[in-house]
Structures are given as C-alpha cells and as structure tokens.
Amino acid sequence: MYHPQLVKKVGSMEINFTLVIQIGIYLVLFFILKAYYFKPILALLKKRESLTVGKLDEVSDLTKKMEGLRAEYESRMKAARESMESHRMEALQRIRQNSEEKIHQAKIKLEKSLSDHQEALEREAKIIRTKFATLAVDLKKEIEGAILSSRVVRL
C-alpha cells in the first residue's frame, strides 16, 4: 500500500519510509550474519590458510632436508663405488700376480721335468747305442761265422 504521508521528497527523488526500513533490516541482517556466519567462515578460512601455509613451509623444509640427504647419499654412494673399485683393482692385481707366479712356477716345473726326461732319454739312448754296438759286433761275428762255415762246408 502506498501512503503519501510516508513519502518524503528530496530534490527530484522521493524517499519512501519502506526504503529506510529495508535499509535498516539489511544492516541488522548484515551485522547478524557478520557475527554468526562471516566471522566463523573467515576464521575457518584464515585457519585453513595458516595450516596450508604451515604445511607448505613444512613441505619446503622437508624438501630441503630431502635434497640434503640425497646429496649426502649420492656422495656416500660415490665414495663407496670408488672404494669398491679400488678394492676390485687391488684384488685383480693380486690375482694377476698370483696367476703369473703360478704360471712361472709351472714353467719352471715343466722345464725341470722336460730336462729330466731329456736326460733320461739321453741315458737310455746311450745304453741302447752301447747295446746296439755290442749287438752289431755279435751279429757281425755270427754273420762272419755263418759265412765262413758255409764256405768251409762247400769246400
């Protein structure tokens, strides 16, 4: 309903009393909502932001710590690899030396065995030569005896 006594004219604009009541209701509602709705939501958002920022800072700290640990791990692994490589090279060197020593000892043993066998063969050859010489002499005598006895029989 329109009540002309509730209307006040300000310049070229008319201000109705209901407008003042609506503005008042709006302000009361705004302060009530601010106190019971916006403050808790803003507090919740602020708390959430502080937790997020705190977690981000914690993540940043943990990332830095992780990078430090990774660098330490990599340096230790590098040192371990270098140590392992030096131990491996030392072991290979020892194995080579042992192998060369064993080969050298085997060569000496084989050379000694070869010279022993050569000496034995030479002794046996000498014995066989003397036996052949005596056998040749004996054979010669037999052949001569056989030839002489066959001539004597013919005569």
C-alpha atoms as a PDB file:
ATOM      1  CA  MET A   1       0.000   0.000   0.000  1.00  0.00           C
ATOM      2  CA  TYR A   2       1.030   3.407  -0.853  1.00  0.00           C
ATOM      3  CA  HIS A   3       0.857   6.039   1.877  1.00  0.00           C
ATOM      4  CA  PRO A   4       1.584   9.532   0.686  1.00  0.00           C
ATOM      5  CA  GLN A   5       2.495  10.759   4.209  1.00  0.00           C
ATOM      6  CA  LEU A   6       5.346   8.194   4.354  1.00  0.00           C
ATOM      7  CA  VAL A   7       6.958   9.655   1.233  1.00  0.00           C
ATOM      8  CA  LYS A   8       9.440  12.472   1.591  1.00  0.00           C
ATOM      9  CA  LYS A   9      10.655  14.375  -1.365  1.00  0.00           C
ATOM     10  CA  VAL A  10      14.416  15.089  -1.525  1.00  0.00           C
ATOM     11  CA  GLY A  11      15.284  17.054  -4.615  1.00  0.00           C
ATOM     12  CA  SER A  12      13.891  15.256  -7.594  1.00  0.00           C
ATOM     13  CA  MET A  13      13.893  11.901  -5.727  1.00  0.00           C
ATOM     14  CA  GLU A  14      11.187  10.592  -3.489  1.00  0.00           C
ATOM     15  CA  ILE A  15      12.317   8.616  -0.452  1.00  0.00           C
ATOM     16  CA  ASN A  16       9.763   6.202   0.832  1.00  0.00           C
ATOM     17  CA  PHE A  17       9.768   5.122   4.513  1.00  0.00           C
ATOM     18  CA  THR A  18       9.805   1.453   3.469  1.00  0.00           C
ATOM     19  CA  LEU A  19      13.165   2.090   1.869  1.00  0.00           C
ATOM     20  CA  VAL A  20      14.526   3.240   5.225  1.00  0.00           C
ATOM     21  CA  ILE A  21      13.066   0.137   6.903  1.00  0.00           C
ATOM     22  CA  GLN A  22      14.587  -2.123   4.228  1.00  0.00           C
ATOM     23  CA  ILE A  23      17.967  -0.455   4.686  1.00  0.00           C
ATOM     24  CA  GLY A  24      17.651  -0.945   8.453  1.00  0.00           C
ATOM     25  CA  ILE A  25      16.659  -4.613   8.039  1.00  0.00           C
ATOM     26  CA  TYR A  26      19.569  -5.051   5.652  1.00  0.00           C
ATOM     27  CA  LEU A  27      22.032  -3.510   8.151  1.00  0.00           C
ATOM     28  CA  VAL A  28      20.677  -5.597  11.059  1.00  0.00           C
ATOM     29  CA  LEU A  29      20.850  -8.752   8.912  1.00  0.00           C
ATOM     30  CA  PHE A  30      24.350  -7.784   7.779  1.00  0.00           C
ATOM     31  CA  PHE A  31      25.630  -7.407  11.369  1.00  0.00           C
ATOM     32  CA  ILE A  32      23.943 -10.625  12.487  1.00  0.00           C
ATOM     33  CA  LEU A  33      25.376 -12.539   9.519  1.00  0.00           C
ATOM     34  CA  LYS A  34      28.747 -10.917  10.096  1.00  0.00           C
ATOM     35  CA  ALA A  35      28.791 -12.022  13.728  1.00  0.00           C
ATOM     36  CA  TYR A  36      27.376 -15.540  13.328  1.00  0.00           C
ATOM     37  CA  TYR A  37      28.206 -16.512   9.756  1.00  0.00           C
ATOM     38  CA  PHE A  38      31.014 -14.476   8.242  1.00  0.00           C
ATOM     39  CA  LYS A  39      33.290 -14.402  11.321  1.00  0.00           C
ATOM     40  CA  PRO A  40      33.328 -18.224  11.711  1.00  0.00           C
ATOM     41  CA  ILE A  41      33.772 -18.704   7.973  1.00  0.00           C
ATOM     42  CA  LEU A  42      36.532 -16.080   7.838  1.00  0.00           C
ATOM     43  CA  ALA A  43      38.168 -17.655  10.914  1.00  0.00           C
ATOM     44  CA  LEU A  44      37.905 -21.076   9.265  1.00  0.00           C
ATOM     45  CA  LEU A  45      39.399 -19.724   6.040  1.00  0.00           C
ATOM     46  CA  LYS A  46      42.178 -17.981   7.990  1.00  0.00           C
ATOM     47  CA  LYS A  47      42.890 -21.190   9.932  1.00  0.00           C
ATOM     48  CA  ARG A  48      42.865 -23.176   6.696  1.00  0.00           C
ATOM     49  CA  GLU A  49      45.254 -20.688   5.115  1.00  0.00           C
ATOM     50  CA  SER A  50      47.581 -20.804   8.128  1.00  0.00           C
ATOM     51  CA  LEU A  51      47.521 -24.618   8.033  1.00  0.00           C
ATOM     52  CA  THR A  52      48.161 -24.581   4.312  1.00  0.00           C
ATOM     53  CA  VAL A  53      50.992 -22.077   4.678  1.00  0.00           C
ATOM     54  CA  GLY A  54      52.333 -24.108   7.611  1.00  0.00           C
ATOM     55  CA  LYS A  55      52.159 -27.301   5.594  1.00  0.00           C
ATOM     56  CA  LEU A  56      53.768 -25.572   2.618  1.00  0.00           C
ATOM     57  CA  ASP A  57      56.578 -24.345   4.865  1.00  0.00           C
ATOM     58  CA  GLU A  58      56.899 -27.852   6.305  1.00  0.00           C
ATOM     59  CA  VAL A  59      56.955 -29.329   2.801  1.00  0.00           C
ATOM     60  CA  SER A  60      59.590 -26.777   1.797  1.00  0.00           C
ATOM     61  CA  ASP A  61      61.705 -27.651   4.852  1.00  0.00           C
ATOM     62  CA  LEU A  62      61.291 -31.371   4.197  1.00  0.00           C
ATOM     63  CA  THR A  63      62.191 -30.857   0.536  1.00  0.00           C
ATOM     64  CA  LYS A  64      65.380 -29.033   1.525  1.00  0.00           C
ATOM     65  CA  LYS A  65      66.174 -31.751   4.054  1.00  0.00           C
ATOM     66  CA  MET A  66      65.474 -34.425   1.426  1.00  0.00           C
ATOM     67  CA  GLU A  67      67.772 -32.680  -1.062  1.00  0.00           C
ATOM     68  CA  GLY A  68      70.490 -32.531   1.593  1.00  0.00           C
ATOM     69  CA  LEU A  69      70.016 -36.213   2.385  1.00  0.00           C
ATOM     70  CA  ARG A  70      70.021 -37.063  -1.325  1.00  0.00           C
ATOM     71  CA  ALA A  71      73.282 -35.153  -1.821  1.00  0.00           C
ATOM     72  CA  GLU A  72      74.783 -36.919   1.196  1.00  0.00           C
ATOM     73  CA  TYR A  73      73.542 -40.280  -0.126  1.00  0.00           C
ATOM     74  CA  GLU A  74      74.994 -39.613  -3.559  1.00  0.00           C
ATOM     75  CA  SER A  75      78.352 -38.543  -2.108  1.00  0.00           C
ATOM     76  CA  ARG A  76      78.448 -41.659   0.104  1.00  0.00           C
ATOM     77  CA  MET A  77      77.488 -43.861  -2.850  1.00  0.00           C
ATOM     78  CA  LYS A  78      80.218 -42.238  -4.941  1.00  0.00           C
ATOM     79  CA  ALA A  79      82.759 -42.824  -2.180  1.00  0.00           C
ATOM     80  CA  ALA A  80      81.556 -46.428  -1.785  1.00  0.00           C
ATOM     81  CA  ARG A  81      81.803 -47.007  -5.539  1.00  0.00           C
ATOM     82  CA  GLU A  82      85.301 -45.545  -5.612  1.00  0.00           C
ATOM     83  CA  SER A  83      86.313 -47.657  -2.625  1.00  0.00           C
ATOM     84  CA  MET A  84      84.785 -50.746  -4.187  1.00  0.00           C
ATOM     85  CA  GLU A  85      86.544 -50.019  -7.478  1.00  0.00           C
ATOM     86  CA  SER A  86      89.914 -49.613  -5.732  1.00  0.00           C
ATOM     87  CA  HIS A  87      89.353 -52.887  -3.816  1.00  0.00           C
ATOM     88  CA  ARG A  88      88.406 -54.580  -7.081  1.00  0.00           C
ATOM     89  CA  MET A  89      91.521 -53.264  -8.803  1.00  0.00           C
ATOM     90  CA  GLU A  90      93.689 -54.406  -5.878  1.00  0.00           C
ATOM     91  CA  ALA A  91      92.065 -57.850  -5.974  1.00  0.00           C
ATOM     92  CA  LEU A  92      92.599 -58.068  -9.746  1.00  0.00           C
ATOM     93  CA  GLN A  93      96.234 -57.049  -9.285  1.00  0.00           C
ATOM     94  CA  ARG A  94      96.717 -59.728  -6.603  1.00  0.00           C
ATOM     95  CA  ILE A  95      95.025 -62.315  -8.810  1.00  0.00           C
ATOM     96  CA  ARG A  96      97.267 -61.345 -11.748  1.00  0.00           C
ATOM     97  CA  GLN A  97     100.365 -61.571  -9.578  1.00  0.00           C
ATOM     98  CA  ASN A  98      99.297 -64.951  -8.172  1.00  0.00           C
ATOM     99  CA  SER A  99      98.481 -66.196 -11.675  1.00  0.00           C
ATOM    100  CA  GLU A 100     101.803 -65.001 -13.057  1.00  0.00           C
ATOM    101  CA  GLU A 101     103.637 -66.596 -10.110  1.00  0.00           C
ATOM    102  CA  LYS A 102     101.798 -69.889 -10.591  1.00  0.00           C
ATOM    103  CA  ILE A 103     102.479 -69.804 -14.337  1.00  0.00           C
ATOM    104  CA  HIS A 104     106.143 -69.079 -13.647  1.00  0.00           C
ATOM    105  CA  GLN A 105     106.325 -71.952 -11.143  1.00  0.00           C
ATOM    106  CA  ALA A 106     104.559 -74.265 -13.594  1.00  0.00           C
ATOM    107  CA  LYS A 107     107.046 -73.263 -16.347  1.00  0.00           C
ATOM    108  CA  ILE A 108     109.972 -73.971 -14.041  1.00  0.00           C
ATOM    109  CA  LYS A 109     108.461 -77.306 -13.039  1.00  0.00           C
ATOM    110  CA  LEU A 110     107.779 -78.229 -16.672  1.00  0.00           C
ATOM    111  CA  GLU A 111     111.278 -77.162 -17.750  1.00  0.00           C
ATOM    112  CA  LYS A 112     112.793 -79.253 -14.951  1.00  0.00           C
ATOM    113  CA  SER A 113     110.569 -82.193 -15.865  1.00  0.00           C
ATOM    114  CA  LEU A 114     111.465 -81.752 -19.547  1.00  0.00           C
ATOM    115  CA  SER A 115     115.190 -81.610 -18.793  1.00  0.00           C
ATOM    116  CA  ASP A 116     114.843 -84.690 -16.524  1.00  0.00           C
ATOM    117  CA  HIS A 117     113.048 -86.552 -19.302  1.00  0.00           C
ATOM    118  CA  GLN A 118     115.628 -85.423 -21.877  1.00  0.00           C
ATOM    119  CA  GLU A 119     118.425 -86.613 -19.601  1.00  0.00           C
ATOM    120  CA  ALA A 120     116.611 -89.931 -19.105  1.00  0.00           C
ATOM    121  CA  LEU A 121     116.126 -90.254 -22.881  1.00  0.00           C
ATOM    122  CA  GLU A 122     119.781 -89.449 -23.486  1.00  0.00           C
ATOM    123  CA  ARG A 123     120.830 -92.103 -20.911  1.00  0.00           C
ATOM    124  CA  GLU A 124     118.508 -94.629 -22.488  1.00  0.00           C
ATOM    125  CA  ALA A 125     119.803 -93.678 -25.965  1.00  0.00           C
ATOM    126  CA  LYS A 126     123.381 -94.116 -24.748  1.00  0.00           C
ATOM    127  CA  ILE A 127     122.507 -97.518 -23.239  1.00  0.00           C
ATOM    128  CA  ILE A 128     120.731 -98.511 -26.455  1.00  0.00           C
ATOM    129  CA  ARG A 129     123.704 -97.325 -28.561  1.00  0.00           C
ATOM    130  CA  THR A 130     126.083 -99.422 -26.451  1.00  0.00           C
ATOM    131  CA  LYS A 131     123.716-102.368 -26.688  1.00  0.00           C
ATOM    132  CA  PHE A 132     123.414-101.838 -30.453  1.00  0.00           C
ATOM    133  CA  ALA A 133     127.185-101.631 -30.704  1.00  0.00           C
ATOM    134  CA  THR A 134     127.607-104.928 -28.848  1.00  0.00           C
ATOM    135  CA  LEU A 135     124.716-106.458 -30.750  1.00  0.00           C
ATOM    136  CA  ALA A 136     126.225-105.248 -34.014  1.00  0.00           C
ATOM    137  CA  VAL A 137     129.559-106.772 -33.056  1.00  0.00           C
ATOM    138  CA  ASP A 138     127.839-110.028 -32.018  1.00  0.00           C
ATOM    139  CA  LEU A 139     125.741-110.020 -35.204  1.00  0.00           C
ATOM    140  CA  LYS A 140     128.841-109.358 -37.270  1.00  0.00           C
ATOM    141  CA  LYS A 141     130.574-112.270 -35.622  1.00  0.00           C
ATOM    142  CA  GLU A 142     127.573-114.526 -36.250  1.00  0.00           C
ATOM    143  CA  ILE A 143     127.304-113.435 -39.858  1.00  0.00           C
ATOM    144  CA  GLU A 144     131.029-113.937 -40.361  1.00  0.00           C
ATOM    145  CA  GLY A 145     130.806-117.311 -38.634  1.00  0.00           C
ATOM    146  CA  ALA A 146     127.856-118.326 -40.794  1.00  0.00           C
ATOM    147  CA  ILE A 147     129.571-117.158 -43.976  1.00  0.00           C
ATOM    148  CA  LEU A 148     132.796-118.981 -43.029  1.00  0.00           C
ATOM    149  CA  SER A 149     131.012-122.156 -42.069  1.00  0.00           C
ATOM    150  CA  SER A 150     129.054-122.133 -45.352  1.00  0.00           C
ATOM    151  CA  ARG A 151     132.330-121.712 -47.305  1.00  0.00           C
ATOM    152  CA  VAL A 152     134.009-124.390 -45.321  1.00  0.00           C
ATOM    153  CA  VAL A 153     131.124-126.751 -45.978  1.00  0.00           C
ATOM    154  CA  ARG A 154     131.321-126.095 -49.712  1.00  0.00           C
ATOM    155  CA  LEU A 155     134.891-126.784 -49.847  1.00  0.00           C
END
